[in-house]
PDB file of N, CA and C in Angstrom:
ATOM      1  N   MET A   1     172.492  86.365 -43.801  1.00  0.00           N
ATOM      2  CA  MET A   1     172.114  86.467 -45.202  1.00  0.00           C
ATOM      3  C   MET A   1     172.378  87.893 -45.680  1.00  0.00           C
ATOM      4  N   ALA A   2     172.814  87.990 -46.903  1.00  0.00           N
ATOM      5  CA  ALA A   2     173.102  89.283 -47.516  1.00  0.00           C
ATOM      6  C   ALA A   2     171.807  89.889 -48.070  1.00  0.00           C
ATOM      7  N   ARG A   3     171.784  91.211 -48.082  1.00  0.00           N
ATOM      8  CA  ARG A   3     170.618  91.919 -48.627  1.00  0.00           C
ATOM      9  C   ARG A   3     170.967  92.577 -49.948  1.00  0.00           C
ATOM     10  N   TYR A   4     169.944  92.658 -50.790  1.00  0.00           N
ATOM     11  CA  TYR A   4     170.096  93.270 -52.103  1.00  0.00           C
ATOM     12  C   TYR A   4     168.877  94.133 -52.390  1.00  0.00           C
ATOM     13  N   VAL A   5     169.114  95.291 -53.000  1.00  0.00           N
ATOM     14  CA  VAL A   5     168.053  96.141 -53.516  1.00  0.00           C
ATOM     15  C   VAL A   5     168.045  95.924 -55.023  1.00  0.00           C
ATOM     16  N   VAL A   6     166.877  95.668 -55.569  1.00  0.00           N
ATOM     17  CA  VAL A   6     166.744  95.477 -57.011  1.00  0.00           C
ATOM     18  C   VAL A   6     165.808  96.556 -57.536  1.00  0.00           C
ATOM     19  N   LEU A   7     166.335  97.399 -58.416  1.00  0.00           N
ATOM     20  CA  LEU A   7     165.525  98.431 -59.058  1.00  0.00           C
ATOM     21  C   LEU A   7     164.927  97.852 -60.329  1.00  0.00           C
ATOM     22  N   LEU A   8     163.667  98.144 -60.571  1.00  0.00           N
ATOM     23  CA  LEU A   8     162.934  97.571 -61.696  1.00  0.00           C
ATOM     24  C   LEU A   8     162.394  98.654 -62.620  1.00  0.00           C
ATOM     25  N   LYS A   9     162.453  98.390 -63.912  1.00  0.00           N
ATOM     26  CA  LYS A   9     161.806  99.238 -64.918  1.00  0.00           C
ATOM     27  C   LYS A   9     160.979  98.331 -65.810  1.00  0.00           C
ATOM     28  N   PHE A  10     159.732  98.736 -66.040  1.00  0.00           N
ATOM     29  CA  PHE A  10     158.898  97.972 -66.960  1.00  0.00           C
ATOM     30  C   PHE A  10     159.494  98.031 -68.365  1.00  0.00           C
ATOM     31  N   THR A  11     159.460  96.916 -69.050  1.00  0.00           N
ATOM     32  CA  THR A  11     159.775  96.892 -70.473  1.00  0.00           C
ATOM     33  C   THR A  11     158.484  97.212 -71.224  1.00  0.00           C
ATOM     34  N   GLU A  12     158.580  97.307 -72.526  1.00  0.00           N
ATOM     35  CA  GLU A  12     157.369  97.527 -73.323  1.00  0.00           C
ATOM     36  C   GLU A  12     156.380  96.385 -73.101  1.00  0.00           C
ATOM     37  N   LYS A  13     156.899  95.162 -73.051  1.00  0.00           N
ATOM     38  CA  LYS A  13     156.049  93.994 -72.791  1.00  0.00           C
ATOM     39  C   LYS A  13     155.384  94.111 -71.418  1.00  0.00           C
ATOM     40  N   GLY A  14     156.153  94.508 -70.404  1.00  0.00           N
ATOM     41  CA  GLY A  14     155.616  94.645 -69.050  1.00  0.00           C
ATOM     42  C   GLY A  14     154.542  95.716 -68.961  1.00  0.00           C
ATOM     43  N   LEU A  15     154.730  96.799 -69.684  1.00  0.00           N
ATOM     44  CA  LEU A  15     153.723  97.867 -69.689  1.00  0.00           C
ATOM     45  C   LEU A  15     152.455  97.426 -70.409  1.00  0.00           C
ATOM     46  N   THR A  16     152.621  96.676 -71.487  1.00  0.00           N
ATOM     47  CA  THR A  16     151.461  96.190 -72.232  1.00  0.00           C
ATOM     48  C   THR A  16     150.569  95.329 -71.348  1.00  0.00           C
ATOM     49  N   ASP A  17     151.201  94.547 -70.460  1.00  0.00           N
ATOM     50  CA  ASP A  17     150.460  93.650 -69.573  1.00  0.00           C
ATOM     51  C   ASP A  17     150.548  94.099 -68.119  1.00  0.00           C
ATOM     52  N   VAL A  18     150.579  95.408 -67.895  1.00  0.00           N
ATOM     53  CA  VAL A  18     150.769  95.932 -66.538  1.00  0.00           C
ATOM     54  C   VAL A  18     149.675  95.463 -65.579  1.00  0.00           C
ATOM     55  N   GLN A  19     148.504  95.168 -66.091  1.00  0.00           N
ATOM     56  CA  GLN A  19     147.406  94.710 -65.243  1.00  0.00           C
ATOM     57  C   GLN A  19     147.723  93.364 -64.574  1.00  0.00           C
ATOM     58  N   HIS A  20     148.715  92.655 -65.084  1.00  0.00           N
ATOM     59  CA  HIS A  20     149.112  91.367 -64.504  1.00  0.00           C
ATOM     60  C   HIS A  20     150.324  91.497 -63.575  1.00  0.00           C
ATOM     61  N   SER A  21     150.732  92.719 -63.304  1.00  0.00           N
ATOM     62  CA  SER A  21     151.932  92.943 -62.486  1.00  0.00           C
ATOM     63  C   SER A  21     151.819  92.328 -61.100  1.00  0.00           C
ATOM     64  N   LEU A  22     150.667  92.452 -60.464  1.00  0.00           N
ATOM     65  CA  LEU A  22     150.506  91.892 -59.112  1.00  0.00           C
ATOM     66  C   LEU A  22     150.616  90.368 -59.113  1.00  0.00           C
ATOM     67  N   SER A  23     150.018  89.708 -60.086  1.00  0.00           N
ATOM     68  CA  SER A  23     150.111  88.247 -60.121  1.00  0.00           C
ATOM     69  C   SER A  23     151.537  87.810 -60.465  1.00  0.00           C
ATOM     70  N   ARG A  24     152.230  88.553 -61.320  1.00  0.00           N
ATOM     71  CA  ARG A  24     153.631  88.230 -61.615  1.00  0.00           C
ATOM     72  C   ARG A  24     154.483  88.416 -60.364  1.00  0.00           C
ATOM     73  N   ALA A  25     154.178  89.434 -59.572  1.00  0.00           N
ATOM     74  CA  ALA A  25     154.918  89.675 -58.327  1.00  0.00           C
ATOM     75  C   ALA A  25     154.737  88.514 -57.363  1.00  0.00           C
ATOM     76  N   GLU A  26     153.523  88.030 -57.219  1.00  0.00           N
ATOM     77  CA  GLU A  26     153.257  86.882 -56.343  1.00  0.00           C
ATOM     78  C   GLU A  26     154.020  85.645 -56.822  1.00  0.00           C
ATOM     79  N   SER A  27     154.035  85.442 -58.109  1.00  0.00           N
ATOM     80  CA  SER A  27     154.746  84.303 -58.683  1.00  0.00           C
ATOM     81  C   SER A  27     156.246  84.428 -58.425  1.00  0.00           C
ATOM     82  N   PHE A  28     156.784  85.641 -58.573  1.00  0.00           N
ATOM     83  CA  PHE A  28     158.204  85.853 -58.305  1.00  0.00           C
ATOM     84  C   PHE A  28     158.537  85.541 -56.852  1.00  0.00           C
ATOM     85  N   CYS A  29     157.698  85.981 -55.930  1.00  0.00           N
ATOM     86  CA  CYS A  29     157.944  85.710 -54.505  1.00  0.00           C
ATOM     87  C   CYS A  29     158.011  84.209 -54.239  1.00  0.00           C
ATOM     88  N   ALA A  30     157.122  83.450 -54.846  1.00  0.00           N
ATOM     89  CA  ALA A  30     157.112  81.998 -54.664  1.00  0.00           C
ATOM     90  C   ALA A  30     158.366  81.366 -55.265  1.00  0.00           C
ATOM     91  N   THR A  31     158.769  81.823 -56.438  1.00  0.00           N
ATOM     92  CA  THR A  31     159.981  81.315 -57.083  1.00  0.00           C
ATOM     93  C   THR A  31     161.205  81.628 -56.240  1.00  0.00           C
ATOM     94  N   ALA A  32     161.274  82.857 -55.745  1.00  0.00           N
ATOM     95  CA  ALA A  32     162.408  83.271 -54.914  1.00  0.00           C
ATOM     96  C   ALA A  32     162.484  82.416 -53.653  1.00  0.00           C
ATOM     97  N   LYS A  33     161.351  82.186 -53.021  1.00  0.00           N
ATOM     98  CA  LYS A  33     161.317  81.392 -51.788  1.00  0.00           C
ATOM     99  C   LYS A  33     161.841  79.976 -52.032  1.00  0.00           C
ATOM    100  N   ARG A  34     161.435  79.374 -53.138  1.00  0.00           N
ATOM    101  CA  ARG A  34     161.915  78.022 -53.464  1.00  0.00           C
ATOM    102  C   ARG A  34     163.434  77.998 -53.659  1.00  0.00           C
ATOM    103  N   ALA A  35     164.000  79.119 -54.088  1.00  0.00           N
ATOM    104  CA  ALA A  35     165.444  79.215 -54.313  1.00  0.00           C
ATOM    105  C   ALA A  35     166.206  79.596 -53.046  1.00  0.00           C
ATOM    106  N   GLY A  36     165.474  79.852 -51.951  1.00  0.00           N
ATOM    107  CA  GLY A  36     166.129  80.240 -50.704  1.00  0.00           C
ATOM    108  C   GLY A  36     166.317  81.726 -50.541  1.00  0.00           C
ATOM    109  N   VAL A  37     165.599  82.500 -51.344  1.00  0.00           N
ATOM    110  CA  VAL A  37     165.674  83.966 -51.299  1.00  0.00           C
ATOM    111  C   VAL A  37     164.394  84.496 -50.679  1.00  0.00           C
ATOM    112  N   SER A  38     164.541  85.413 -49.732  1.00  0.00           N
ATOM    113  CA  SER A  38     163.391  86.033 -49.082  1.00  0.00           C
ATOM    114  C   SER A  38     163.137  87.409 -49.694  1.00  0.00           C
ATOM    115  N   VAL A  39     161.918  87.634 -50.140  1.00  0.00           N
ATOM    116  CA  VAL A  39     161.523  88.956 -50.633  1.00  0.00           C
ATOM    117  C   VAL A  39     160.987  89.717 -49.427  1.00  0.00           C
ATOM    118  N   GLU A  40     161.807  90.611 -48.885  1.00  0.00           N
ATOM    119  CA  GLU A  40     161.426  91.362 -47.689  1.00  0.00           C
ATOM    120  C   GLU A  40     160.438  92.473 -48.011  1.00  0.00           C
ATOM    121  N   THR A  41     160.648  93.121 -49.142  1.00  0.00           N
ATOM    122  CA  THR A  41     159.786  94.235 -49.551  1.00  0.00           C
ATOM    123  C   THR A  41     159.659  94.234 -51.062  1.00  0.00           C
ATOM    124  N   GLN A  42     158.461  94.528 -51.531  1.00  0.00           N
ATOM    125  CA  GLN A  42     158.220  94.677 -52.963  1.00  0.00           C
ATOM    126  C   GLN A  42     157.326  95.892 -53.129  1.00  0.00           C
ATOM    127  N   LEU A  43     157.849  96.906 -53.830  1.00  0.00           N
ATOM    128  CA  LEU A  43     157.122  98.163 -53.985  1.00  0.00           C
ATOM    129  C   LEU A  43     157.064  98.581 -55.450  1.00  0.00           C
ATOM    130  N   TRP A  44     155.979  99.230 -55.812  1.00  0.00           N
ATOM    131  CA  TRP A  44     155.862  99.878 -57.110  1.00  0.00           C
ATOM    132  C   TRP A  44     156.123 101.361 -56.857  1.00  0.00           C
ATOM    133  N   THR A  45     156.823 102.018 -57.768  1.00  0.00           N
ATOM    134  CA  THR A  45     157.232 103.401 -57.537  1.00  0.00           C
ATOM    135  C   THR A  45     156.917 104.280 -58.739  1.00  0.00           C
ATOM    136  N   GLY A  46     156.917 105.576 -58.497  1.00  0.00           N
ATOM    137  CA  GLY A  46     156.842 106.564 -59.560  1.00  0.00           C
ATOM    138  C   GLY A  46     158.230 107.160 -59.726  1.00  0.00           C
ATOM    139  N   GLY A  47     158.521 107.694 -60.877  1.00  0.00           N
ATOM    140  CA  GLY A  47     159.840 108.271 -61.101  1.00  0.00           C
ATOM    141  C   GLY A  47     160.619 107.469 -62.122  1.00  0.00           C
ATOM    142  N   PRO A  48     161.939 107.534 -62.052  1.00  0.00           N
ATOM    143  CA  PRO A  48     162.748 106.870 -63.083  1.00  0.00           C
ATOM    144  C   PRO A  48     162.702 105.347 -63.013  1.00  0.00           C
ATOM    145  N   TYR A  49     162.309 104.778 -61.878  1.00  0.00           N
ATOM    146  CA  TYR A  49     162.148 103.331 -61.740  1.00  0.00           C
ATOM    147  C   TYR A  49     160.687 103.032 -61.426  1.00  0.00           C
ATOM    148  N   ASP A  50     160.234 101.867 -61.868  1.00  0.00           N
ATOM    149  CA  ASP A  50     158.836 101.490 -61.682  1.00  0.00           C
ATOM    150  C   ASP A  50     158.599 100.642 -60.441  1.00  0.00           C
ATOM    151  N   GLY A  51     159.682 100.155 -59.846  1.00  0.00           N
ATOM    152  CA  GLY A  51     159.526  99.351 -58.653  1.00  0.00           C
ATOM    153  C   GLY A  51     160.861  99.006 -58.047  1.00  0.00           C
ATOM    154  N   LEU A  52     160.777  98.393 -56.862  1.00  0.00           N
ATOM    155  CA  LEU A  52     161.988  97.907 -56.218  1.00  0.00           C
ATOM    156  C   LEU A  52     161.670  96.706 -55.363  1.00  0.00           C
ATOM    157  N   LEU A  53     162.689  95.900 -55.175  1.00  0.00           N
ATOM    158  CA  LEU A  53     162.626  94.724 -54.318  1.00  0.00           C
ATOM    159  C   LEU A  53     163.722  94.850 -53.276  1.00  0.00           C
ATOM    160  N   LEU A  54     163.458  94.379 -52.087  1.00  0.00           N
ATOM    161  CA  LEU A  54     164.493  94.206 -51.077  1.00  0.00           C
ATOM    162  C   LEU A  54     164.539  92.709 -50.801  1.00  0.00           C
ATOM    163  N   LEU A  55     165.666  92.084 -51.142  1.00  0.00           N
ATOM    164  CA  LEU A  55     165.828  90.646 -51.038  1.00  0.00           C
ATOM    165  C   LEU A  55     166.875  90.286 -49.994  1.00  0.00           C
ATOM    166  N   SER A  56     166.728  89.141 -49.361  1.00  0.00           N
ATOM    167  CA  SER A  56     167.772  88.533 -48.540  1.00  0.00           C
ATOM    168  C   SER A  56     168.087  87.191 -49.170  1.00  0.00           C
ATOM    169  N   ALA A  57     169.374  86.931 -49.343  1.00  0.00           N
ATOM    170  CA  ALA A  57     169.796  85.683 -49.975  1.00  0.00           C
ATOM    171  C   ALA A  57     171.055  85.173 -49.289  1.00  0.00           C
ATOM    172  N   PRO A  58     171.266  83.862 -49.346  1.00  0.00           N
ATOM    173  CA  PRO A  58     172.450  83.311 -48.694  1.00  0.00           C
ATOM    174  C   PRO A  58     173.755  83.763 -49.338  1.00  0.00           C
ATOM    175  N   ASP A  59     173.703  84.108 -50.626  1.00  0.00           N
ATOM    176  CA  ASP A  59     174.914  84.553 -51.324  1.00  0.00           C
ATOM    177  C   ASP A  59     174.516  85.291 -52.598  1.00  0.00           C
ATOM    178  N   GLU A  60     175.518  85.952 -53.185  1.00  0.00           N
ATOM    179  CA  GLU A  60     175.262  86.765 -54.372  1.00  0.00           C
ATOM    180  C   GLU A  60     174.835  85.927 -55.569  1.00  0.00           C
ATOM    181  N   THR A  61     175.394  84.739 -55.697  1.00  0.00           N
ATOM    182  CA  THR A  61     175.045  83.882 -56.828  1.00  0.00           C
ATOM    183  C   THR A  61     173.571  83.495 -56.794  1.00  0.00           C
ATOM    184  N   THR A  62     173.073  83.151 -55.620  1.00  0.00           N
ATOM    185  CA  THR A  62     171.666  82.786 -55.485  1.00  0.00           C
ATOM    186  C   THR A  62     170.771  83.981 -55.801  1.00  0.00           C
ATOM    187  N   ALA A  63     171.106  85.147 -55.248  1.00  0.00           N
ATOM    188  CA  ALA A  63     170.320  86.351 -55.512  1.00  0.00           C
ATOM    189  C   ALA A  63     170.337  86.697 -56.994  1.00  0.00           C
ATOM    190  N   ALA A  64     171.519  86.682 -57.591  1.00  0.00           N
ATOM    191  CA  ALA A  64     171.649  87.042 -59.004  1.00  0.00           C
ATOM    192  C   ALA A  64     170.889  86.063 -59.893  1.00  0.00           C
ATOM    193  N   GLY A  65     170.895  84.786 -59.541  1.00  0.00           N
ATOM    194  CA  GLY A  65     170.161  83.809 -60.335  1.00  0.00           C
ATOM    195  C   GLY A  65     168.667  84.067 -60.334  1.00  0.00           C
ATOM    196  N   VAL A  66     168.122  84.397 -59.168  1.00  0.00           N
ATOM    197  CA  VAL A  66     166.689  84.692 -59.063  1.00  0.00           C
ATOM    198  C   VAL A  66     166.350  85.968 -59.844  1.00  0.00           C
ATOM    199  N   VAL A  67     167.186  86.980 -59.713  1.00  0.00           N
ATOM    200  CA  VAL A  67     166.937  88.250 -60.410  1.00  0.00           C
ATOM    201  C   VAL A  67     167.085  88.076 -61.919  1.00  0.00           C
ATOM    202  N   LEU A  68     168.059  87.290 -62.336  1.00  0.00           N
ATOM    203  CA  LEU A  68     168.221  87.015 -63.765  1.00  0.00           C
ATOM    204  C   LEU A  68     167.001  86.281 -64.311  1.00  0.00           C
ATOM    205  N   GLY A  69     166.479  85.340 -63.537  1.00  0.00           N
ATOM    206  CA  GLY A  69     165.260  84.641 -63.950  1.00  0.00           C
ATOM    207  C   GLY A  69     164.088  85.588 -64.117  1.00  0.00           C
ATOM    208  N   LEU A  70     163.997  86.570 -63.224  1.00  0.00           N
ATOM    209  CA  LEU A  70     162.945  87.588 -63.340  1.00  0.00           C
ATOM    210  C   LEU A  70     163.112  88.391 -64.624  1.00  0.00           C
ATOM    211  N   ALA A  71     164.330  88.835 -64.893  1.00  0.00           N
ATOM    212  CA  ALA A  71     164.587  89.643 -66.098  1.00  0.00           C
ATOM    213  C   ALA A  71     164.341  88.839 -67.377  1.00  0.00           C
ATOM    214  N   ARG A  72     164.638  87.549 -67.345  1.00  0.00           N
ATOM    215  CA  ARG A  72     164.455  86.701 -68.533  1.00  0.00           C
ATOM    216  C   ARG A  72     163.005  86.624 -68.984  1.00  0.00           C
ATOM    217  N   GLN A  73     162.076  86.874 -68.074  1.00  0.00           N
ATOM    218  CA  GLN A  73     160.657  86.829 -68.446  1.00  0.00           C
ATOM    219  C   GLN A  73     160.278  87.990 -69.364  1.00  0.00           C
ATOM    220  N   GLY A  74     161.091  89.039 -69.366  1.00  0.00           N
ATOM    221  CA  GLY A  74     160.895  90.130 -70.317  1.00  0.00           C
ATOM    222  C   GLY A  74     159.953  91.236 -69.892  1.00  0.00           C
ATOM    223  N   ASN A  75     159.441  91.197 -68.676  1.00  0.00           N
ATOM    224  CA  ASN A  75     158.507  92.233 -68.234  1.00  0.00           C
ATOM    225  C   ASN A  75     159.188  93.419 -67.561  1.00  0.00           C
ATOM    226  N   VAL A  76     160.379  93.186 -67.023  1.00  0.00           N
ATOM    227  CA  VAL A  76     161.132  94.253 -66.354  1.00  0.00           C
ATOM    228  C   VAL A  76     162.611  94.118 -66.680  1.00  0.00           C
ATOM    229  N   SER A  77     163.296  95.245 -66.639  1.00  0.00           N
ATOM    230  CA  SER A  77     164.752  95.220 -66.613  1.00  0.00           C
ATOM    231  C   SER A  77     165.145  95.461 -65.160  1.00  0.00           C
ATOM    232  N   THR A  78     166.304  94.957 -64.768  1.00  0.00           N
ATOM    233  CA  THR A  78     166.694  94.985 -63.365  1.00  0.00           C
ATOM    234  C   THR A  78     168.065  95.617 -63.162  1.00  0.00           C
ATOM    235  N   CYS A  79     168.274  96.135 -61.961  1.00  0.00           N
ATOM    236  CA  CYS A  79     169.565  96.635 -61.517  1.00  0.00           C
ATOM    237  C   CYS A  79     169.722  96.192 -60.062  1.00  0.00           C
ATOM    238  N   MET A  80     170.613  95.235 -59.802  1.00  0.00           N
ATOM    239  CA  MET A  80     170.769  94.673 -58.463  1.00  0.00           C
ATOM    240  C   MET A  80     171.938  95.338 -57.747  1.00  0.00           C
ATOM    241  N   LEU A  81     171.681  95.761 -56.516  1.00  0.00           N
ATOM    242  CA  LEU A  81     172.688  96.432 -55.697  1.00  0.00           C
ATOM    243  C   LEU A  81     172.827  95.711 -54.366  1.00  0.00           C
ATOM    244  N   ARG A  82     174.050  95.493 -53.907  1.00  0.00           N
ATOM    245  CA  ARG A  82     174.273  94.930 -52.570  1.00  0.00           C
ATOM    246  C   ARG A  82     173.935  96.022 -51.564  1.00  0.00           C
ATOM    247  N   ALA A  83     173.196  95.677 -50.525  1.00  0.00           N
ATOM    248  CA  ALA A  83     172.780  96.636 -49.497  1.00  0.00           C
ATOM    249  C   ALA A  83     173.399  96.240 -48.162  1.00  0.00           C
ATOM    250  N   TYR A  84     173.764  97.242 -47.367  1.00  0.00           N
ATOM    251  CA  TYR A  84     174.395  97.015 -46.063  1.00  0.00           C
ATOM    252  C   TYR A  84     173.601  97.728 -44.988  1.00  0.00           C
ATOM    253  N   ASP A  85     173.344  97.037 -43.873  1.00  0.00           N
ATOM    254  CA  ASP A  85     172.735  97.722 -42.739  1.00  0.00           C
ATOM    255  C   ASP A  85     173.843  98.466 -41.986  1.00  0.00           C
ATOM    256  N   ALA A  86     173.494  99.186 -40.933  1.00  0.00           N
ATOM    257  CA  ALA A  86     174.467 100.025 -40.226  1.00  0.00           C
ATOM    258  C   ALA A  86     175.633  99.200 -39.679  1.00  0.00           C
ATOM    259  N   GLY A  87     175.352  98.042 -39.099  1.00  0.00           N
ATOM    260  CA  GLY A  87     176.415  97.208 -38.549  1.00  0.00           C
ATOM    261  C   GLY A  87     177.364  96.697 -39.622  1.00  0.00           C
ATOM    262  N   GLU A  88     176.804  96.268 -40.735  1.00  0.00           N
ATOM    263  CA  GLU A  88     177.636  95.787 -41.842  1.00  0.00           C
ATOM    264  C   GLU A  88     178.477  96.916 -42.426  1.00  0.00           C
ATOM    265  N   PHE A  89     177.878  98.096 -42.537  1.00  0.00           N
ATOM    266  CA  PHE A  89     178.601  99.231 -43.088  1.00  0.00           C
ATOM    267  C   PHE A  89     179.748  99.647 -42.159  1.00  0.00           C
ATOM    268  N   LYS A  90     179.509  99.579 -40.860  1.00  0.00           N
ATOM    269  CA  LYS A  90     180.560  99.896 -39.885  1.00  0.00           C
ATOM    270  C   LYS A  90     181.752  98.960 -40.070  1.00  0.00           C
ATOM    271  N   GLN A  91     181.477  97.675 -40.251  1.00  0.00           N
ATOM    272  CA  GLN A  91     182.555  96.709 -40.494  1.00  0.00           C
ATOM    273  C   GLN A  91     183.276  97.007 -41.809  1.00  0.00           C
ATOM    274  N   LEU A  92     182.527  97.349 -42.820  1.00  0.00           N
ATOM    275  CA  LEU A  92     183.098  97.666 -44.126  1.00  0.00           C
ATOM    276  C   LEU A  92     184.031  98.864 -44.027  1.00  0.00           C
ATOM    277  N   VAL A  93     183.589  99.906 -43.352  1.00  0.00           N
ATOM    278  CA  VAL A  93     184.405 101.100 -43.183  1.00  0.00           C
ATOM    279  C   VAL A  93     185.668 100.772 -42.368  1.00  0.00           C
ATOM    280  N   GLY A  94     185.504  99.939 -41.347  1.00  0.00           N
ATOM    281  CA  GLY A  94     186.652  99.538 -40.539  1.00  0.00           C
ATOM    282  C   GLY A  94     187.699  98.804 -41.355  1.00  0.00           C
ATOM    283  N   LYS A  95     187.280  97.980 -42.285  1.00  0.00           N
ATOM    284  CA  LYS A  95     188.211  97.245 -43.140  1.00  0.00           C
ATOM    285  C   LYS A  95     188.887  98.149 -44.171  1.00  0.00           C
ATOM    286  N   ALA A  96     188.255  99.278 -44.436  1.00  0.00           N
ATOM    287  CA  ALA A  96     188.817 100.227 -45.404  1.00  0.00           C
ATOM    288  C   ALA A  96     189.871 101.113 -44.743  1.00  0.00           C
ATOM    289  N   GLY A  97     189.998 101.020 -43.410  1.00  0.00           N
ATOM    290  CA  GLY A  97     190.980 101.826 -42.707  1.00  0.00           C
ATOM    291  C   GLY A  97     190.563 103.279 -42.556  1.00  0.00           C
ATOM    292  N   ALA A  98     189.278 103.543 -42.698  1.00  0.00           N
ATOM    293  CA  ALA A  98     188.807 104.929 -42.597  1.00  0.00           C
ATOM    294  C   ALA A  98     188.578 105.327 -41.161  1.00  0.00           C
TER     295      ALA A  98
END
């Protein structure tokens, strides 16, 4: 399964209802699981982003669909990045001829 890092920023709506962030997070985890996506890590952060997710999904389309569904709720904006572990990165570099 491929891994993805999703950076999150609260929208104005999300900040207005920030007290419900934990229950929304639980709901997202359940939705993701039903779609075949595993939420490995879910963190709230300080700084330019308000949170991040580490997801495992069978493919990019499945991951993107779950993340798009999260963004459609209007509480966060998202930025999804493909993540590689050391072994995957080694293969990637090898294919680049480096």
